């Protein structure tokens, strides 16, 4: 079973495009440092300045390596003036129904 990271981002109103640009750069650096990682950014339709980021990882140790790497640490630092609140979470895959296996 995979481990997932989940980020809940509340962006300062009017800075949504800036956030998406910086987040994409962080995801690109992550993919370079950890090849094969898939990252997804979702935008809330009801709260337009709330974004959810998620992606699967092979192990909790790999998540720890990523969170201590420049690919991750430089991202939130660059977003400091753009984001009102950031909640990082680590989740264990519990049930998967349908589709191809992830990981």
PDB file of N, CA and C in Angstrom:
ATOM      1  N   UNK A   1       0.835  -1.181   0.000  1.00  0.00           N
ATOM      2  CA  UNK A   1       0.000   0.000   0.000  1.00  0.00           C
ATOM      3  C   UNK A   1       0.885   1.252   0.000  1.00  0.00           C
ATOM      4  N   UNK A   2       0.427   2.282  -0.651  1.00  0.00           N
ATOM      5  CA  UNK A   2       1.166   3.535  -0.757  1.00  0.00           C
ATOM      6  C   UNK A   2       0.893   4.450   0.425  1.00  0.00           C
ATOM      7  N   UNK A   3       1.767   5.416   0.551  1.00  0.00           N
ATOM      8  CA  UNK A   3       1.607   6.519   1.491  1.00  0.00           C
ATOM      9  C   UNK A   3       1.343   7.753   0.636  1.00  0.00           C
ATOM     10  N   UNK A   4       0.455   8.619   1.084  1.00  0.00           N
ATOM     11  CA  UNK A   4       0.131   9.837   0.339  1.00  0.00           C
ATOM     12  C   UNK A   4       0.462  11.051   1.189  1.00  0.00           C
ATOM     13  N   UNK A   5       0.897  12.099   0.524  1.00  0.00           N
ATOM     14  CA  UNK A   5       0.976  13.386   1.193  1.00  0.00           C
ATOM     15  C   UNK A   5      -0.236  14.189   0.747  1.00  0.00           C
ATOM     16  N   UNK A   6      -0.699  15.026   1.656  1.00  0.00           N
ATOM     17  CA  UNK A   6      -1.846  15.885   1.394  1.00  0.00           C
ATOM     18  C   UNK A   6      -1.518  17.251   1.966  1.00  0.00           C
ATOM     19  N   UNK A   7      -1.678  18.262   1.164  1.00  0.00           N
ATOM     20  CA  UNK A   7      -1.492  19.629   1.638  1.00  0.00           C
ATOM     21  C   UNK A   7      -2.769  20.412   1.421  1.00  0.00           C
ATOM     22  N   UNK A   8      -3.181  21.145   2.435  1.00  0.00           N
ATOM     23  CA  UNK A   8      -4.332  22.040   2.315  1.00  0.00           C
ATOM     24  C   UNK A   8      -3.775  23.452   2.394  1.00  0.00           C
ATOM     25  N   UNK A   9      -3.976  24.199   1.334  1.00  0.00           N
ATOM     26  CA  UNK A   9      -3.394  25.530   1.182  1.00  0.00           C
ATOM     27  C   UNK A   9      -4.506  26.564   1.119  1.00  0.00           C
ATOM     28  N   UNK A  10      -4.458  27.551   1.971  1.00  0.00           N
ATOM     29  CA  UNK A  10      -5.369  28.681   1.872  1.00  0.00           C
ATOM     30  C   UNK A  10      -4.533  29.868   1.399  1.00  0.00           C
ATOM     31  N   UNK A  11      -4.814  30.318   0.189  1.00  0.00           N
ATOM     32  CA  UNK A  11      -4.019  31.333  -0.493  1.00  0.00           C
ATOM     33  C   UNK A  11      -4.647  32.706  -0.272  1.00  0.00           C
ATOM     34  N   UNK A  12      -3.799  33.707  -0.135  1.00  0.00           N
ATOM     35  CA  UNK A  12      -4.310  35.070   0.000  1.00  0.00           C
ATOM     36  C   UNK A  12      -5.132  35.416  -1.239  1.00  0.00           C
ATOM     37  N   UNK A  13      -6.327  35.962  -1.054  1.00  0.00           N
ATOM     38  CA  UNK A  13      -7.172  36.308  -2.207  1.00  0.00           C
ATOM     39  C   UNK A  13      -6.417  37.186  -3.206  1.00  0.00           C
ATOM     40  N   UNK A  14      -6.581  36.845  -4.476  1.00  0.00           N
ATOM     41  CA  UNK A  14      -5.916  37.579  -5.548  1.00  0.00           C
ATOM     42  C   UNK A  14      -4.541  37.043  -5.889  1.00  0.00           C
ATOM     43  N   UNK A  15      -4.023  36.099  -5.099  1.00  0.00           N
ATOM     44  CA  UNK A  15      -2.681  35.552  -5.332  1.00  0.00           C
ATOM     45  C   UNK A  15      -2.726  34.124  -5.873  1.00  0.00           C
ATOM     46  N   UNK A  16      -3.902  33.687  -6.289  1.00  0.00           N
ATOM     47  CA  UNK A  16      -4.074  32.306  -6.722  1.00  0.00           C
ATOM     48  C   UNK A  16      -3.169  31.935  -7.903  1.00  0.00           C
ATOM     49  N   UNK A  17      -3.054  32.802  -8.901  1.00  0.00           N
ATOM     50  CA  UNK A  17      -2.197  32.495 -10.053  1.00  0.00           C
ATOM     51  C   UNK A  17      -0.734  32.400  -9.636  1.00  0.00           C
ATOM     52  N   UNK A  18      -0.304  33.285  -8.734  1.00  0.00           N
ATOM     53  CA  UNK A  18       1.069  33.227  -8.217  1.00  0.00           C
ATOM     54  C   UNK A  18       1.304  31.897  -7.499  1.00  0.00           C
ATOM     55  N   UNK A  19       0.327  31.498  -6.695  1.00  0.00           N
ATOM     56  CA  UNK A  19       0.447  30.239  -5.964  1.00  0.00           C
ATOM     57  C   UNK A  19       0.616  29.066  -6.928  1.00  0.00           C
ATOM     58  N   UNK A  20      -0.235  28.980  -7.931  1.00  0.00           N
ATOM     59  CA  UNK A  20      -0.176  27.872  -8.883  1.00  0.00           C
ATOM     60  C   UNK A  20       1.189  27.838  -9.561  1.00  0.00           C
ATOM     61  N   UNK A  21       1.711  28.977  -9.944  1.00  0.00           N
ATOM     62  CA  UNK A  21       3.019  29.050 -10.610  1.00  0.00           C
ATOM     63  C   UNK A  21       4.126  28.526  -9.690  1.00  0.00           C
ATOM     64  N   UNK A  22       4.153  28.987  -8.439  1.00  0.00           N
ATOM     65  CA  UNK A  22       5.188  28.565  -7.500  1.00  0.00           C
ATOM     66  C   UNK A  22       5.022  27.089  -7.136  1.00  0.00           C
ATOM     67  N   UNK A  23       3.781  26.644  -6.967  1.00  0.00           N
ATOM     68  CA  UNK A  23       3.538  25.242  -6.645  1.00  0.00           C
ATOM     69  C   UNK A  23       4.027  24.339  -7.783  1.00  0.00           C
ATOM     70  N   UNK A  24       3.766  24.731  -9.019  1.00  0.00           N
ATOM     71  CA  UNK A  24       4.235  23.946 -10.169  1.00  0.00           C
ATOM     72  C   UNK A  24       5.754  23.832 -10.163  1.00  0.00           C
ATOM     73  N   UNK A  25       6.439  24.907  -9.823  1.00  0.00           N
ATOM     74  CA  UNK A  25       7.899  24.873  -9.763  1.00  0.00           C
ATOM     75  C   UNK A  25       8.361  23.921  -8.659  1.00  0.00           C
ATOM     76  N   UNK A  26       7.687  23.949  -7.510  1.00  0.00           N
ATOM     77  CA  UNK A  26       8.019  23.030  -6.426  1.00  0.00           C
ATOM     78  C   UNK A  26       7.789  21.581  -6.867  1.00  0.00           C
ATOM     79  N   UNK A  27       6.692  21.325  -7.559  1.00  0.00           N
ATOM     80  CA  UNK A  27       6.396  19.971  -8.050  1.00  0.00           C
ATOM     81  C   UNK A  27       7.430  19.531  -9.080  1.00  0.00           C
ATOM     82  N   UNK A  28       7.869  20.447  -9.922  1.00  0.00           N
ATOM     83  CA  UNK A  28       8.889  20.124 -10.929  1.00  0.00           C
ATOM     84  C   UNK A  28      10.204  19.747 -10.245  1.00  0.00           C
ATOM     85  N   UNK A  29      10.607  20.533  -9.235  1.00  0.00           N
ATOM     86  CA  UNK A  29      11.837  20.212  -8.495  1.00  0.00           C
ATOM     87  C   UNK A  29      11.705  18.871  -7.769  1.00  0.00           C
ATOM     88  N   UNK A  30      10.528  18.598  -7.255  1.00  0.00           N
ATOM     89  CA  UNK A  30      10.298  17.317  -6.586  1.00  0.00           C
ATOM     90  C   UNK A  30      10.447  16.175  -7.582  1.00  0.00           C
ATOM     91  N   UNK A  31       9.883  16.312  -8.774  1.00  0.00           N
ATOM     92  CA  UNK A  31       9.963  15.255  -9.782  1.00  0.00           C
ATOM     93  C   UNK A  31      11.414  15.039 -10.209  1.00  0.00           C
ATOM     94  N   UNK A  32      12.207  16.104 -10.267  1.00  0.00           N
ATOM     95  CA  UNK A  32      13.625  15.957 -10.607  1.00  0.00           C
ATOM     96  C   UNK A  32      14.382  15.204  -9.513  1.00  0.00           C
ATOM     97  N   UNK A  33      14.080  15.522  -8.258  1.00  0.00           N
ATOM     98  CA  UNK A  33      14.779  14.897  -7.134  1.00  0.00           C
ATOM     99  C   UNK A  33      14.271  13.497  -6.829  1.00  0.00           C
ATOM    100  N   UNK A  34      12.999  13.243  -7.129  1.00  0.00           N
ATOM    101  CA  UNK A  34      12.355  11.957  -6.849  1.00  0.00           C
ATOM    102  C   UNK A  34      11.622  11.510  -8.111  1.00  0.00           C
ATOM    103  N   UNK A  35      12.361  11.013  -9.111  1.00  0.00           N
ATOM    104  CA  UNK A  35      11.744  10.663 -10.397  1.00  0.00           C
ATOM    105  C   UNK A  35      10.573   9.699 -10.235  1.00  0.00           C
ATOM    106  N   UNK A  36       9.556   9.937 -11.058  1.00  0.00           N
ATOM    107  CA  UNK A  36       8.393   9.072 -11.069  1.00  0.00           C
ATOM    108  C   UNK A  36       7.293   9.481 -10.104  1.00  0.00           C
ATOM    109  N   UNK A  37       7.528  10.521  -9.319  1.00  0.00           N
ATOM    110  CA  UNK A  37       6.498  10.982  -8.377  1.00  0.00           C
ATOM    111  C   UNK A  37       5.407  11.713  -9.129  1.00  0.00           C
ATOM    112  N   UNK A  38       4.188  11.447  -8.756  1.00  0.00           N
ATOM    113  CA  UNK A  38       3.039  12.133  -9.338  1.00  0.00           C
ATOM    114  C   UNK A  38       2.516  13.118  -8.303  1.00  0.00           C
ATOM    115  N   UNK A  39       2.304  14.338  -8.715  1.00  0.00           N
ATOM    116  CA  UNK A  39       1.752  15.367  -7.830  1.00  0.00           C
ATOM    117  C   UNK A  39       0.515  15.952  -8.489  1.00  0.00           C
ATOM    118  N   UNK A  40      -0.526  16.148  -7.697  1.00  0.00           N
ATOM    119  CA  UNK A  40      -1.789  16.683  -8.200  1.00  0.00           C
ATOM    120  C   UNK A  40      -2.167  17.886  -7.352  1.00  0.00           C
ATOM    121  N   UNK A  41      -2.569  18.952  -8.027  1.00  0.00           N
ATOM    122  CA  UNK A  41      -3.075  20.145  -7.341  1.00  0.00           C
ATOM    123  C   UNK A  41      -4.535  20.322  -7.724  1.00  0.00           C
ATOM    124  N   UNK A  42      -5.385  20.405  -6.715  1.00  0.00           N
ATOM    125  CA  UNK A  42      -6.823  20.572  -6.910  1.00  0.00           C
ATOM    126  C   UNK A  42      -7.242  21.926  -6.358  1.00  0.00           C
ATOM    127  N   UNK A  43      -8.243  22.525  -6.990  1.00  0.00           N
ATOM    128  CA  UNK A  43      -8.765  23.804  -6.524  1.00  0.00           C
ATOM    129  C   UNK A  43     -10.222  23.635  -6.117  1.00  0.00           C
ATOM    130  N   UNK A  44     -10.541  24.146  -4.952  1.00  0.00           N
ATOM    131  CA  UNK A  44     -11.900  24.062  -4.424  1.00  0.00           C
ATOM    132  C   UNK A  44     -12.824  24.957  -5.253  1.00  0.00           C
ATOM    133  N   UNK A  45     -13.929  24.414  -5.734  1.00  0.00           N
ATOM    134  CA  UNK A  45     -14.875  25.202  -6.538  1.00  0.00           C
ATOM    135  C   UNK A  45     -15.658  26.197  -5.702  1.00  0.00           C
ATOM    136  N   UNK A  46     -15.842  25.895  -4.423  1.00  0.00           N
ATOM    137  CA  UNK A  46     -16.632  26.779  -3.561  1.00  0.00           C
ATOM    138  C   UNK A  46     -15.786  27.825  -2.849  1.00  0.00           C
ATOM    139  N   UNK A  47     -14.585  27.467  -2.485  1.00  0.00           N
ATOM    140  CA  UNK A  47     -13.652  28.394  -1.826  1.00  0.00           C
ATOM    141  C   UNK A  47     -12.467  28.527  -2.778  1.00  0.00           C
ATOM    142  N   UNK A  48     -12.518  29.504  -3.660  1.00  0.00           N
ATOM    143  CA  UNK A  48     -11.600  29.604  -4.804  1.00  0.00           C
ATOM    144  C   UNK A  48     -10.145  29.831  -4.413  1.00  0.00           C
ATOM    145  N   UNK A  49      -9.885  30.213  -3.173  1.00  0.00           N
ATOM    146  CA  UNK A  49      -8.494  30.396  -2.769  1.00  0.00           C
ATOM    147  C   UNK A  49      -8.003  29.224  -1.902  1.00  0.00           C
ATOM    148  N   UNK A  50      -8.755  28.104  -1.907  1.00  0.00           N
ATOM    149  CA  UNK A  50      -8.306  26.900  -1.203  1.00  0.00           C
ATOM    150  C   UNK A  50      -7.879  25.861  -2.237  1.00  0.00           C
ATOM    151  N   UNK A  51      -6.682  25.334  -2.038  1.00  0.00           N
ATOM    152  CA  UNK A  51      -6.118  24.325  -2.921  1.00  0.00           C
ATOM    153  C   UNK A  51      -5.742  23.103  -2.094  1.00  0.00           C
ATOM    154  N   UNK A  52      -5.818  21.947  -2.736  1.00  0.00           N
ATOM    155  CA  UNK A  52      -5.427  20.687  -2.120  1.00  0.00           C
ATOM    156  C   UNK A  52      -4.359  20.062  -3.013  1.00  0.00           C
ATOM    157  N   UNK A  53      -3.238  19.704  -2.423  1.00  0.00           N
ATOM    158  CA  UNK A  53      -2.206  18.996  -3.175  1.00  0.00           C
ATOM    159  C   UNK A  53      -2.069  17.594  -2.604  1.00  0.00           C
ATOM    160  N   UNK A  54      -1.812  16.635  -3.487  1.00  0.00           N
ATOM    161  CA  UNK A  54      -1.675  15.253  -3.046  1.00  0.00           C
ATOM    162  C   UNK A  54      -0.781  14.489  -4.009  1.00  0.00           C
ATOM    163  N   UNK A  55      -0.255  13.410  -3.511  1.00  0.00           N
ATOM    164  CA  UNK A  55       0.546  12.532  -4.349  1.00  0.00           C
ATOM    165  C   UNK A  55       0.962  11.299  -3.582  1.00  0.00           C
ATOM    166  N   UNK A  56       1.151  10.183  -4.294  1.00  0.00           N
ATOM    167  CA  UNK A  56       1.556   8.931  -3.659  1.00  0.00           C
ATOM    168  C   UNK A  56       3.076   8.842  -3.511  1.00  0.00           C
ATOM    169  N   UNK A  57       3.493   8.114  -2.491  1.00  0.00           N
ATOM    170  CA  UNK A  57       4.903   7.854  -2.214  1.00  0.00           C
ATOM    171  C   UNK A  57       5.059   6.369  -1.916  1.00  0.00           C
ATOM    172  N   UNK A  58       6.279   5.884  -2.019  1.00  0.00           N
ATOM    173  CA  UNK A  58       6.536   4.466  -1.794  1.00  0.00           C
ATOM    174  C   UNK A  58       6.585   4.090  -0.316  1.00  0.00           C
ATOM    175  N   UNK A  59       6.990   5.044   0.531  1.00  0.00           N
ATOM    176  CA  UNK A  59       7.165   4.715   1.946  1.00  0.00           C
ATOM    177  C   UNK A  59       7.154   5.986   2.790  1.00  0.00           C
ATOM    178  N   UNK A  60       6.915   5.845   4.082  1.00  0.00           N
ATOM    179  CA  UNK A  60       7.011   7.014   4.967  1.00  0.00           C
ATOM    180  C   UNK A  60       8.426   7.595   4.979  1.00  0.00           C
ATOM    181  N   UNK A  61       9.430   6.736   4.827  1.00  0.00           N
ATOM    182  CA  UNK A  61      10.815   7.209   4.798  1.00  0.00           C
ATOM    183  C   UNK A  61      11.063   8.107   3.585  1.00  0.00           C
ATOM    184  N   UNK A  62      10.471   7.759   2.453  1.00  0.00           N
ATOM    185  CA  UNK A  62      10.625   8.578   1.259  1.00  0.00           C
ATOM    186  C   UNK A  62       9.964   9.944   1.465  1.00  0.00           C
ATOM    187  N   UNK A  63       8.822   9.976   2.140  1.00  0.00           N
ATOM    188  CA  UNK A  63       8.157  11.249   2.456  1.00  0.00           C
ATOM    189  C   UNK A  63       9.062  12.095   3.336  1.00  0.00           C
ATOM    190  N   UNK A  64       9.681  11.482   4.343  1.00  0.00           N
ATOM    191  CA  UNK A  64      10.592  12.214   5.226  1.00  0.00           C
ATOM    192  C   UNK A  64      11.777  12.770   4.450  1.00  0.00           C
ATOM    193  N   UNK A  65      12.337  11.966   3.527  1.00  0.00           N
ATOM    194  CA  UNK A  65      13.450  12.436   2.695  1.00  0.00           C
ATOM    195  C   UNK A  65      13.026  13.643   1.874  1.00  0.00           C
ATOM    196  N   UNK A  66      11.836  13.566   1.289  1.00  0.00           N
ATOM    197  CA  UNK A  66      11.337  14.673   0.473  1.00  0.00           C
ATOM    198  C   UNK A  66      11.118  15.928   1.322  1.00  0.00           C
ATOM    199  N   UNK A  67      10.479  15.769   2.462  1.00  0.00           N
ATOM    200  CA  UNK A  67      10.171  16.937   3.297  1.00  0.00           C
ATOM    201  C   UNK A  67      11.424  17.603   3.858  1.00  0.00           C
ATOM    202  N   UNK A  68      12.539  16.899   3.894  1.00  0.00           N
ATOM    203  CA  UNK A  68      13.778  17.518   4.357  1.00  0.00           C
ATOM    204  C   UNK A  68      14.663  17.964   3.190  1.00  0.00           C
ATOM    205  N   UNK A  69      14.217  17.719   1.957  1.00  0.00           N
ATOM    206  CA  UNK A  69      15.007  18.080   0.771  1.00  0.00           C
ATOM    207  C   UNK A  69      14.720  19.518   0.340  1.00  0.00           C
ATOM    208  N   UNK A  70      15.665  20.146  -0.372  1.00  0.00           N
ATOM    209  CA  UNK A  70      15.423  21.489  -0.911  1.00  0.00           C
ATOM    210  C   UNK A  70      14.207  21.541  -1.841  1.00  0.00           C
ATOM    211  N   UNK A  71      13.898  20.432  -2.515  1.00  0.00           N
ATOM    212  CA  UNK A  71      12.728  20.403  -3.408  1.00  0.00           C
ATOM    213  C   UNK A  71      11.463  20.765  -2.651  1.00  0.00           C
ATOM    214  N   UNK A  72      11.368  20.364  -1.372  1.00  0.00           N
ATOM    215  CA  UNK A  72      10.196  20.704  -0.561  1.00  0.00           C
ATOM    216  C   UNK A  72      10.421  21.971   0.256  1.00  0.00           C
ATOM    217  N   UNK A  73      11.522  22.060   0.960  1.00  0.00           N
ATOM    218  CA  UNK A  73      11.709  23.163   1.912  1.00  0.00           C
ATOM    219  C   UNK A  73      11.726  24.528   1.244  1.00  0.00           C
ATOM    220  N   UNK A  74      12.215  24.606   0.026  1.00  0.00           N
ATOM    221  CA  UNK A  74      12.234  25.894  -0.669  1.00  0.00           C
ATOM    222  C   UNK A  74      10.847  26.301  -1.157  1.00  0.00           C
ATOM    223  N   UNK A  75       9.951  25.328  -1.357  1.00  0.00           N
ATOM    224  CA  UNK A  75       8.598  25.629  -1.827  1.00  0.00           C
ATOM    225  C   UNK A  75       7.804  26.448  -0.825  1.00  0.00           C
ATOM    226  N   UNK A  76       7.576  25.938   0.387  1.00  0.00           N
ATOM    227  CA  UNK A  76       6.825  26.734   1.376  1.00  0.00           C
ATOM    228  C   UNK A  76       7.496  28.069   1.699  1.00  0.00           C
ATOM    229  N   UNK A  77       8.825  28.109   1.657  1.00  0.00           N
ATOM    230  CA  UNK A  77       9.501  29.388   1.906  1.00  0.00           C
ATOM    231  C   UNK A  77       9.143  30.398   0.818  1.00  0.00           C
ATOM    232  N   UNK A  78       9.109  29.942  -0.450  1.00  0.00           N
ATOM    233  CA  UNK A  78       8.759  30.831  -1.561  1.00  0.00           C
ATOM    234  C   UNK A  78       7.293  31.235  -1.511  1.00  0.00           C
ATOM    235  N   UNK A  79       6.467  30.423  -0.863  1.00  0.00           N
ATOM    236  CA  UNK A  79       5.029  30.693  -0.795  1.00  0.00           C
ATOM    237  C   UNK A  79       4.629  31.505   0.434  1.00  0.00           C
ATOM    238  N   UNK A  80       5.592  31.822   1.277  1.00  0.00           N
ATOM    239  CA  UNK A  80       5.297  32.494   2.548  1.00  0.00           C
ATOM    240  C   UNK A  80       4.418  33.732   2.387  1.00  0.00           C
ATOM    241  N   UNK A  81       4.695  34.571   1.400  1.00  0.00           N
ATOM    242  CA  UNK A  81       3.926  35.807   1.207  1.00  0.00           C
ATOM    243  C   UNK A  81       2.629  35.596   0.433  1.00  0.00           C
ATOM    244  N   UNK A  82       2.419  34.394  -0.072  1.00  0.00           N
ATOM    245  CA  UNK A  82       1.257  34.098  -0.905  1.00  0.00           C
ATOM    246  C   UNK A  82       0.180  33.335  -0.130  1.00  0.00           C
ATOM    247  N   UNK A  83       0.614  32.527   0.826  1.00  0.00           N
ATOM    248  CA  UNK A  83      -0.275  31.594   1.520  1.00  0.00           C
ATOM    249  C   UNK A  83      -0.617  32.099   2.920  1.00  0.00           C
ATOM    250  N   UNK A  84      -1.912  32.048   3.251  1.00  0.00           N
ATOM    251  CA  UNK A  84      -2.355  32.393   4.608  1.00  0.00           C
ATOM    252  C   UNK A  84      -2.144  31.235   5.567  1.00  0.00           C
ATOM    253  N   UNK A  85      -2.395  30.015   5.076  1.00  0.00           N
ATOM    254  CA  UNK A  85      -2.295  28.837   5.938  1.00  0.00           C
ATOM    255  C   UNK A  85      -1.935  27.620   5.094  1.00  0.00           C
ATOM    256  N   UNK A  86      -1.104  26.746   5.666  1.00  0.00           N
ATOM    257  CA  UNK A  86      -0.718  25.494   5.015  1.00  0.00           C
ATOM    258  C   UNK A  86      -0.785  24.381   6.047  1.00  0.00           C
ATOM    259  N   UNK A  87      -1.503  23.308   5.715  1.00  0.00           N
ATOM    260  CA  UNK A  87      -1.623  22.142   6.592  1.00  0.00           C
ATOM    261  C   UNK A  87      -1.076  20.917   5.860  1.00  0.00           C
ATOM    262  N   UNK A  88       0.117  20.430   6.240  1.00  0.00           N
ATOM    263  CA  UNK A  88       0.632  19.205   5.635  1.00  0.00           C
ATOM    264  C   UNK A  88       0.138  17.969   6.387  1.00  0.00           C
ATOM    265  N   UNK A  89      -0.159  16.916   5.640  1.00  0.00           N
ATOM    266  CA  UNK A  89      -0.615  15.663   6.233  1.00  0.00           C
ATOM    267  C   UNK A  89       0.065  14.499   5.510  1.00  0.00           C
ATOM    268  N   UNK A  90       0.221  13.391   6.228  1.00  0.00           N
ATOM    269  CA  UNK A  90       0.704  12.144   5.648  1.00  0.00           C
ATOM    270  C   UNK A  90      -0.372  11.091   5.904  1.00  0.00           C
ATOM    271  N   UNK A  91      -0.794  10.412   4.851  1.00  0.00           N
ATOM    272  CA  UNK A  91      -1.922   9.485   4.922  1.00  0.00           C
ATOM    273  C   UNK A  91      -1.522   8.100   4.430  1.00  0.00           C
ATOM    274  N   UNK A  92      -2.054   7.078   5.064  1.00  0.00           N
ATOM    275  CA  UNK A  92      -1.845   5.705   4.610  1.00  0.00           C
ATOM    276  C   UNK A  92      -3.009   5.288   3.719  1.00  0.00           C
ATOM    277  N   UNK A  93      -2.670   4.703   2.581  1.00  0.00           N
ATOM    278  CA  UNK A  93      -3.703   4.169   1.694  1.00  0.00           C
ATOM    279  C   UNK A  93      -4.411   3.044   2.437  1.00  0.00           C
ATOM    280  N   UNK A  94      -5.719   3.093   2.458  1.00  0.00           N
ATOM    281  CA  UNK A  94      -6.490   2.114   3.218  1.00  0.00           C
ATOM    282  C   UNK A  94      -7.288   1.188   2.307  1.00  0.00           C
ATOM    283  N   UNK A  95      -8.006   1.754   1.337  1.00  0.00           N
ATOM    284  CA  UNK A  95      -8.801   0.962   0.409  1.00  0.00           C
ATOM    285  C   UNK A  95      -8.690   1.616  -0.963  1.00  0.00           C
ATOM    286  N   UNK A  96      -8.533   0.783  -1.992  1.00  0.00           N
ATOM    287  CA  UNK A  96      -8.560   1.249  -3.370  1.00  0.00           C
ATOM    288  C   UNK A  96      -9.587   0.411  -4.112  1.00  0.00           C
ATOM    289  N   UNK A  97     -10.499   1.069  -4.824  1.00  0.00           N
ATOM    290  CA  UNK A  97     -11.501   0.367  -5.593  1.00  0.00           C
ATOM    291  C   UNK A  97     -11.360   0.791  -7.042  1.00  0.00           C
ATOM    292  N   UNK A  98     -11.078  -0.145  -7.917  1.00  0.00           N
ATOM    293  CA  UNK A  98     -10.996   0.131  -9.356  1.00  0.00           C
ATOM    294  C   UNK A  98      -9.733   0.853  -9.772  1.00  0.00           C
ATOM    295  N   UNK A  99      -9.568   0.971 -11.074  1.00  0.00           N
ATOM    296  CA  UNK A  99      -8.444   1.682 -11.653  1.00  0.00           C
ATOM    297  C   UNK A  99      -7.139   0.900 -11.536  1.00  0.00           C
ATOM    298  N   UNK A 100      -6.117   1.437 -12.199  1.00  0.00           N
ATOM    299  CA  UNK A 100      -4.811   0.766 -12.122  1.00  0.00           C
ATOM    300  C   UNK A 100      -4.160   0.997 -10.770  1.00  0.00           C
ATOM    301  N   UNK A 101      -3.261   0.107 -10.361  1.00  0.00           N
ATOM    302  CA  UNK A 101      -2.584   0.309  -9.085  1.00  0.00           C
ATOM    303  C   UNK A 101      -1.719   1.562  -9.119  1.00  0.00           C
ATOM    304  N   UNK A 102      -1.648   2.246  -7.993  1.00  0.00           N
ATOM    305  CA  UNK A 102      -0.826   3.458  -7.858  1.00  0.00           C
ATOM    306  C   UNK A 102       0.428   3.079  -7.113  1.00  0.00           C
ATOM    307  N   UNK A 103       1.525   3.695  -7.533  1.00  0.00           N
ATOM    308  CA  UNK A 103       2.747   3.486  -6.764  1.00  0.00           C
ATOM    309  C   UNK A 103       3.777   2.904  -7.603  1.00  0.00           C
TER     310      UNK A 103
END
